[in-house]
């Protein structure tokens, strides 16, 4: 079994915001304490935060529109068990074609700052960890209370043949 910690849109522009980054990192150390790998889905912004994540667990990362880390790819694919996983910052407009062209089972994306775990009509999984620093509440649905923006990350457990669990975890504000 492999356990992933998934995070996006941290937007730390400099390590001079050490109070904010230390507060988030302290929580991430607890939440991701037993993960095998961290996946950062872009908008890290500065390398210092990526270095700190690598101290928690080996970290794969892709570039978002705000990243100043030139070595990051815009898109990443890898296998976990029988699942082919794609990682991209912004969800493609033609999602079904993107899944078909890349032969993906799971797409992890960021950018919206809103957490999401959702199956698609074409038997694939969409995952968005939201943002631990700048969360955005989802749109209000008729008949429900107004949603609250909550800082979030995701953990996902995969063995050879099954996605065992995928959880949205809220951080403290």
C-alpha atoms as a PDB file:
ATOM      1  CA  UNK A   1       0.000   0.000   0.000  1.00  0.00           C
ATOM      2  CA  UNK A   2       1.129   3.547  -0.780  1.00  0.00           C
ATOM      3  CA  UNK A   3      -0.169   6.558   1.120  1.00  0.00           C
ATOM      4  CA  UNK A   4      -0.042   9.965  -0.550  1.00  0.00           C
ATOM      5  CA  UNK A   5      -0.358  13.405   0.996  1.00  0.00           C
ATOM      6  CA  UNK A   6      -1.816  15.794  -1.578  1.00  0.00           C
ATOM      7  CA  UNK A   7      -1.514  19.573  -1.284  1.00  0.00           C
ATOM      8  CA  UNK A   8      -1.896  22.579  -3.584  1.00  0.00           C
ATOM      9  CA  UNK A   9      -1.941  26.352  -3.742  1.00  0.00           C
ATOM     10  CA  UNK A  10       0.187  27.160  -0.703  1.00  0.00           C
ATOM     11  CA  UNK A  11       1.289  30.503  -2.215  1.00  0.00           C
ATOM     12  CA  UNK A  12       4.201  31.201   0.142  1.00  0.00           C
ATOM     13  CA  UNK A  13       5.958  34.051  -1.669  1.00  0.00           C
ATOM     14  CA  UNK A  14       8.966  34.199   0.671  1.00  0.00           C
ATOM     15  CA  UNK A  15      10.259  32.536   3.795  1.00  0.00           C
ATOM     16  CA  UNK A  16       9.862  35.902   5.558  1.00  0.00           C
ATOM     17  CA  UNK A  17       6.286  34.713   6.244  1.00  0.00           C
ATOM     18  CA  UNK A  18       7.787  32.176   8.615  1.00  0.00           C
ATOM     19  CA  UNK A  19       4.925  32.480  11.106  1.00  0.00           C
ATOM     20  CA  UNK A  20       2.379  31.422   8.472  1.00  0.00           C
ATOM     21  CA  UNK A  21       4.521  28.725   6.881  1.00  0.00           C
ATOM     22  CA  UNK A  22       5.598  27.350  10.288  1.00  0.00           C
ATOM     23  CA  UNK A  23       1.940  27.120  11.378  1.00  0.00           C
ATOM     24  CA  UNK A  24       0.998  25.210   8.213  1.00  0.00           C
ATOM     25  CA  UNK A  25       4.113  23.001   8.291  1.00  0.00           C
ATOM     26  CA  UNK A  26       3.498  22.042  11.915  1.00  0.00           C
ATOM     27  CA  UNK A  27       0.027  20.771  10.957  1.00  0.00           C
ATOM     28  CA  UNK A  28       1.308  19.059   7.801  1.00  0.00           C
ATOM     29  CA  UNK A  29       3.938  17.185   9.820  1.00  0.00           C
ATOM     30  CA  UNK A  30       1.103  15.614  11.827  1.00  0.00           C
ATOM     31  CA  UNK A  31      -1.300  15.032   8.932  1.00  0.00           C
ATOM     32  CA  UNK A  32       1.387  13.652   6.582  1.00  0.00           C
ATOM     33  CA  UNK A  33       3.433  11.856   9.268  1.00  0.00           C
ATOM     34  CA  UNK A  34       2.848   8.411   7.764  1.00  0.00           C
ATOM     35  CA  UNK A  35       2.646   9.240   4.047  1.00  0.00           C
ATOM     36  CA  UNK A  36       5.048   7.605   1.620  1.00  0.00           C
ATOM     37  CA  UNK A  37       5.024  10.548  -0.748  1.00  0.00           C
ATOM     38  CA  UNK A  38       3.674  14.101  -0.994  1.00  0.00           C
ATOM     39  CA  UNK A  39       2.220  15.485  -4.214  1.00  0.00           C
ATOM     40  CA  UNK A  40       2.150  19.288  -4.511  1.00  0.00           C
ATOM     41  CA  UNK A  41      -0.212  20.373  -7.283  1.00  0.00           C
ATOM     42  CA  UNK A  42       1.325  23.776  -8.020  1.00  0.00           C
ATOM     43  CA  UNK A  43       1.477  27.343  -6.772  1.00  0.00           C
ATOM     44  CA  UNK A  44       4.150  26.537  -4.232  1.00  0.00           C
ATOM     45  CA  UNK A  45       5.716  29.862  -5.299  1.00  0.00           C
ATOM     46  CA  UNK A  46       9.151  29.588  -3.637  1.00  0.00           C
ATOM     47  CA  UNK A  47      11.545  26.669  -3.249  1.00  0.00           C
ATOM     48  CA  UNK A  48      11.914  26.954   0.526  1.00  0.00           C
ATOM     49  CA  UNK A  49       8.436  25.466   1.095  1.00  0.00           C
ATOM     50  CA  UNK A  50       9.111  22.569  -1.275  1.00  0.00           C
ATOM     51  CA  UNK A  51      12.346  21.889   0.651  1.00  0.00           C
ATOM     52  CA  UNK A  52      10.356  21.771   3.902  1.00  0.00           C
ATOM     53  CA  UNK A  53       7.827  19.323   2.405  1.00  0.00           C
ATOM     54  CA  UNK A  54      10.715  17.073   1.318  1.00  0.00           C
ATOM     55  CA  UNK A  55      11.778  16.881   4.976  1.00  0.00           C
ATOM     56  CA  UNK A  56       8.358  15.349   5.779  1.00  0.00           C
ATOM     57  CA  UNK A  57       8.338  12.892   2.841  1.00  0.00           C
ATOM     58  CA  UNK A  58       9.685  12.686  -0.719  1.00  0.00           C
ATOM     59  CA  UNK A  59       7.708  15.219  -2.754  1.00  0.00           C
ATOM     60  CA  UNK A  60       6.590  15.315  -6.384  1.00  0.00           C
ATOM     61  CA  UNK A  61       5.546  18.759  -7.562  1.00  0.00           C
ATOM     62  CA  UNK A  62       4.292  20.528 -10.654  1.00  0.00           C
ATOM     63  CA  UNK A  63       4.234  24.204 -11.588  1.00  0.00           C
ATOM     64  CA  UNK A  64       1.257  26.500 -11.190  1.00  0.00           C
ATOM     65  CA  UNK A  65       0.924  29.989 -12.643  1.00  0.00           C
ATOM     66  CA  UNK A  66       2.562  31.638  -9.596  1.00  0.00           C
ATOM     67  CA  UNK A  67       5.580  29.362  -9.248  1.00  0.00           C
ATOM     68  CA  UNK A  68       9.073  30.815  -9.450  1.00  0.00           C
ATOM     69  CA  UNK A  69      10.722  27.374  -9.385  1.00  0.00           C
ATOM     70  CA  UNK A  70      11.851  26.942 -12.997  1.00  0.00           C
ATOM     71  CA  UNK A  71      12.622  23.204 -12.771  1.00  0.00           C
ATOM     72  CA  UNK A  72       9.017  22.142 -12.113  1.00  0.00           C
ATOM     73  CA  UNK A  73       7.104  20.432 -14.925  1.00  0.00           C
ATOM     74  CA  UNK A  74       3.616  21.643 -15.916  1.00  0.00           C
ATOM     75  CA  UNK A  75       2.269  18.067 -16.010  1.00  0.00           C
ATOM     76  CA  UNK A  76       3.302  14.804 -14.401  1.00  0.00           C
ATOM     77  CA  UNK A  77       2.168  11.193 -14.812  1.00  0.00           C
ATOM     78  CA  UNK A  78       2.971   8.153 -12.699  1.00  0.00           C
ATOM     79  CA  UNK A  79       1.556   4.770 -11.780  1.00  0.00           C
ATOM     80  CA  UNK A  80       0.442   3.642  -8.346  1.00  0.00           C
ATOM     81  CA  UNK A  81      -0.568  -0.011  -8.453  1.00  0.00           C
ATOM     82  CA  UNK A  82      -2.739  -0.437 -11.536  1.00  0.00           C
ATOM     83  CA  UNK A  83      -3.751   3.239 -11.574  1.00  0.00           C
ATOM     84  CA  UNK A  84      -2.286   5.805 -13.936  1.00  0.00           C
ATOM     85  CA  UNK A  85      -2.356   9.199 -12.215  1.00  0.00           C
ATOM     86  CA  UNK A  86      -1.978  12.595 -13.864  1.00  0.00           C
ATOM     87  CA  UNK A  87      -1.090  15.769 -11.980  1.00  0.00           C
ATOM     88  CA  UNK A  88      -1.808  19.206 -13.475  1.00  0.00           C
ATOM     89  CA  UNK A  89      -2.453  22.578 -11.866  1.00  0.00           C
ATOM     90  CA  UNK A  90      -5.504  23.677 -13.840  1.00  0.00           C
ATOM     91  CA  UNK A  91      -8.268  21.222 -14.768  1.00  0.00           C
ATOM     92  CA  UNK A  92      -8.433  20.785 -18.567  1.00  0.00           C
ATOM     93  CA  UNK A  93     -11.485  22.254 -20.305  1.00  0.00           C
ATOM     94  CA  UNK A  94     -12.246  19.084 -22.273  1.00  0.00           C
ATOM     95  CA  UNK A  95     -11.866  16.666 -19.400  1.00  0.00           C
ATOM     96  CA  UNK A  96     -13.113  13.512 -21.114  1.00  0.00           C
ATOM     97  CA  UNK A  97     -10.679  13.920 -24.026  1.00  0.00           C
ATOM     98  CA  UNK A  98      -7.828  14.610 -21.593  1.00  0.00           C
ATOM     99  CA  UNK A  99      -8.565  11.373 -19.719  1.00  0.00           C
ATOM    100  CA  UNK A 100      -8.822   9.390 -22.968  1.00  0.00           C
ATOM    101  CA  UNK A 101      -5.683  10.872 -24.595  1.00  0.00           C
ATOM    102  CA  UNK A 102      -3.574  10.292 -21.475  1.00  0.00           C
ATOM    103  CA  UNK A 103      -5.249   6.971 -20.505  1.00  0.00           C
ATOM    104  CA  UNK A 104      -5.674   8.208 -16.916  1.00  0.00           C
ATOM    105  CA  UNK A 105      -7.598   6.678 -14.044  1.00  0.00           C
ATOM    106  CA  UNK A 106      -7.080   9.599 -11.649  1.00  0.00           C
ATOM    107  CA  UNK A 107      -6.475  13.304 -12.264  1.00  0.00           C
ATOM    108  CA  UNK A 108      -5.169  15.451  -9.425  1.00  0.00           C
ATOM    109  CA  UNK A 109      -5.481  19.190 -10.016  1.00  0.00           C
ATOM    110  CA  UNK A 110      -5.465  22.431  -8.019  1.00  0.00           C
ATOM    111  CA  UNK A 111      -6.002  26.098  -8.865  1.00  0.00           C
ATOM    112  CA  UNK A 112      -9.585  26.459  -7.563  1.00  0.00           C
ATOM    113  CA  UNK A 113      -8.598  26.420  -3.859  1.00  0.00           C
ATOM    114  CA  UNK A 114     -11.711  24.244  -3.291  1.00  0.00           C
ATOM    115  CA  UNK A 115     -11.364  20.601  -2.215  1.00  0.00           C
ATOM    116  CA  UNK A 116     -12.996  17.955  -4.389  1.00  0.00           C
ATOM    117  CA  UNK A 117     -13.176  14.165  -4.618  1.00  0.00           C
ATOM    118  CA  UNK A 118     -15.493  13.247  -7.469  1.00  0.00           C
ATOM    119  CA  UNK A 119     -16.107  10.395  -9.856  1.00  0.00           C
ATOM    120  CA  UNK A 120     -16.800  11.207 -13.486  1.00  0.00           C
ATOM    121  CA  UNK A 121     -19.333   9.721 -15.931  1.00  0.00           C
ATOM    122  CA  UNK A 122     -16.392   8.107 -17.760  1.00  0.00           C
ATOM    123  CA  UNK A 123     -15.275   6.026 -14.734  1.00  0.00           C
ATOM    124  CA  UNK A 124     -12.360   8.157 -13.559  1.00  0.00           C
ATOM    125  CA  UNK A 125     -11.584  10.083 -10.390  1.00  0.00           C
ATOM    126  CA  UNK A 126     -10.981  13.830  -9.955  1.00  0.00           C
ATOM    127  CA  UNK A 127      -9.091  15.029  -6.870  1.00  0.00           C
ATOM    128  CA  UNK A 128      -8.429  18.606  -5.793  1.00  0.00           C
ATOM    129  CA  UNK A 129      -6.896  19.150  -2.325  1.00  0.00           C
ATOM    130  CA  UNK A 130      -8.061  22.770  -2.065  1.00  0.00           C
ATOM    131  CA  UNK A 131      -5.621  25.101  -0.331  1.00  0.00           C
ATOM    132  CA  UNK A 132      -4.224  25.021   3.224  1.00  0.00           C
ATOM    133  CA  UNK A 133      -3.557  28.764   3.139  1.00  0.00           C
ATOM    134  CA  UNK A 134      -6.085  30.526   0.883  1.00  0.00           C
ATOM    135  CA  UNK A 135      -9.236  28.387   0.816  1.00  0.00           C
ATOM    136  CA  UNK A 136     -12.291  29.408  -1.185  1.00  0.00           C
ATOM    137  CA  UNK A 137     -15.775  28.254  -0.217  1.00  0.00           C
ATOM    138  CA  UNK A 138     -17.741  26.369  -2.862  1.00  0.00           C
ATOM    139  CA  UNK A 139     -20.821  27.973  -4.380  1.00  0.00           C
ATOM    140  CA  UNK A 140     -23.922  27.885  -2.222  1.00  0.00           C
ATOM    141  CA  UNK A 141     -26.464  25.252  -3.213  1.00  0.00           C
ATOM    142  CA  UNK A 142     -30.143  26.020  -3.003  1.00  0.00           C
ATOM    143  CA  UNK A 143     -31.676  24.792   0.238  1.00  0.00           C
ATOM    144  CA  UNK A 144     -28.331  24.532   2.076  1.00  0.00           C
ATOM    145  CA  UNK A 145     -26.477  26.860   4.430  1.00  0.00           C
ATOM    146  CA  UNK A 146     -23.778  29.058   2.954  1.00  0.00           C
ATOM    147  CA  UNK A 147     -20.546  26.999   2.738  1.00  0.00           C
ATOM    148  CA  UNK A 148     -17.492  27.983   4.761  1.00  0.00           C
ATOM    149  CA  UNK A 149     -14.000  28.149   3.252  1.00  0.00           C
ATOM    150  CA  UNK A 150     -11.775  25.708   5.130  1.00  0.00           C
ATOM    151  CA  UNK A 151      -8.029  25.138   4.679  1.00  0.00           C
ATOM    152  CA  UNK A 152      -7.553  21.607   3.369  1.00  0.00           C
ATOM    153  CA  UNK A 153      -5.296  18.843   2.062  1.00  0.00           C
ATOM    154  CA  UNK A 154      -6.042  15.260   1.004  1.00  0.00           C
ATOM    155  CA  UNK A 155      -4.651  11.847   1.869  1.00  0.00           C
ATOM    156  CA  UNK A 156      -5.074   8.889  -0.475  1.00  0.00           C
ATOM    157  CA  UNK A 157      -4.244   5.219   0.080  1.00  0.00           C
ATOM    158  CA  UNK A 158      -3.740   2.932  -2.918  1.00  0.00           C
ATOM    159  CA  UNK A 159      -2.735  -0.719  -2.972  1.00  0.00           C
ATOM    160  CA  UNK A 160      -2.014  -2.816  -6.083  1.00  0.00           C
ATOM    161  CA  UNK A 161      -5.639  -3.137  -7.153  1.00  0.00           C
ATOM    162  CA  UNK A 162      -7.756  -0.666  -5.158  1.00  0.00           C
ATOM    163  CA  UNK A 163      -8.046   2.920  -4.058  1.00  0.00           C
ATOM    164  CA  UNK A 164      -8.571   2.145  -0.384  1.00  0.00           C
ATOM    165  CA  UNK A 165      -9.394   5.639   0.844  1.00  0.00           C
ATOM    166  CA  UNK A 166      -9.301   9.289  -0.120  1.00  0.00           C
ATOM    167  CA  UNK A 167      -9.963  11.859   2.614  1.00  0.00           C
ATOM    168  CA  UNK A 168     -10.269  15.632   2.691  1.00  0.00           C
ATOM    169  CA  UNK A 169      -8.573  16.852   5.877  1.00  0.00           C
ATOM    170  CA  UNK A 170      -9.255  20.347   7.188  1.00  0.00           C
ATOM    171  CA  UNK A 171      -6.444  22.282   8.839  1.00  0.00           C
ATOM    172  CA  UNK A 172      -6.855  24.682  11.718  1.00  0.00           C
ATOM    173  CA  UNK A 173      -7.142  28.335  10.852  1.00  0.00           C
END
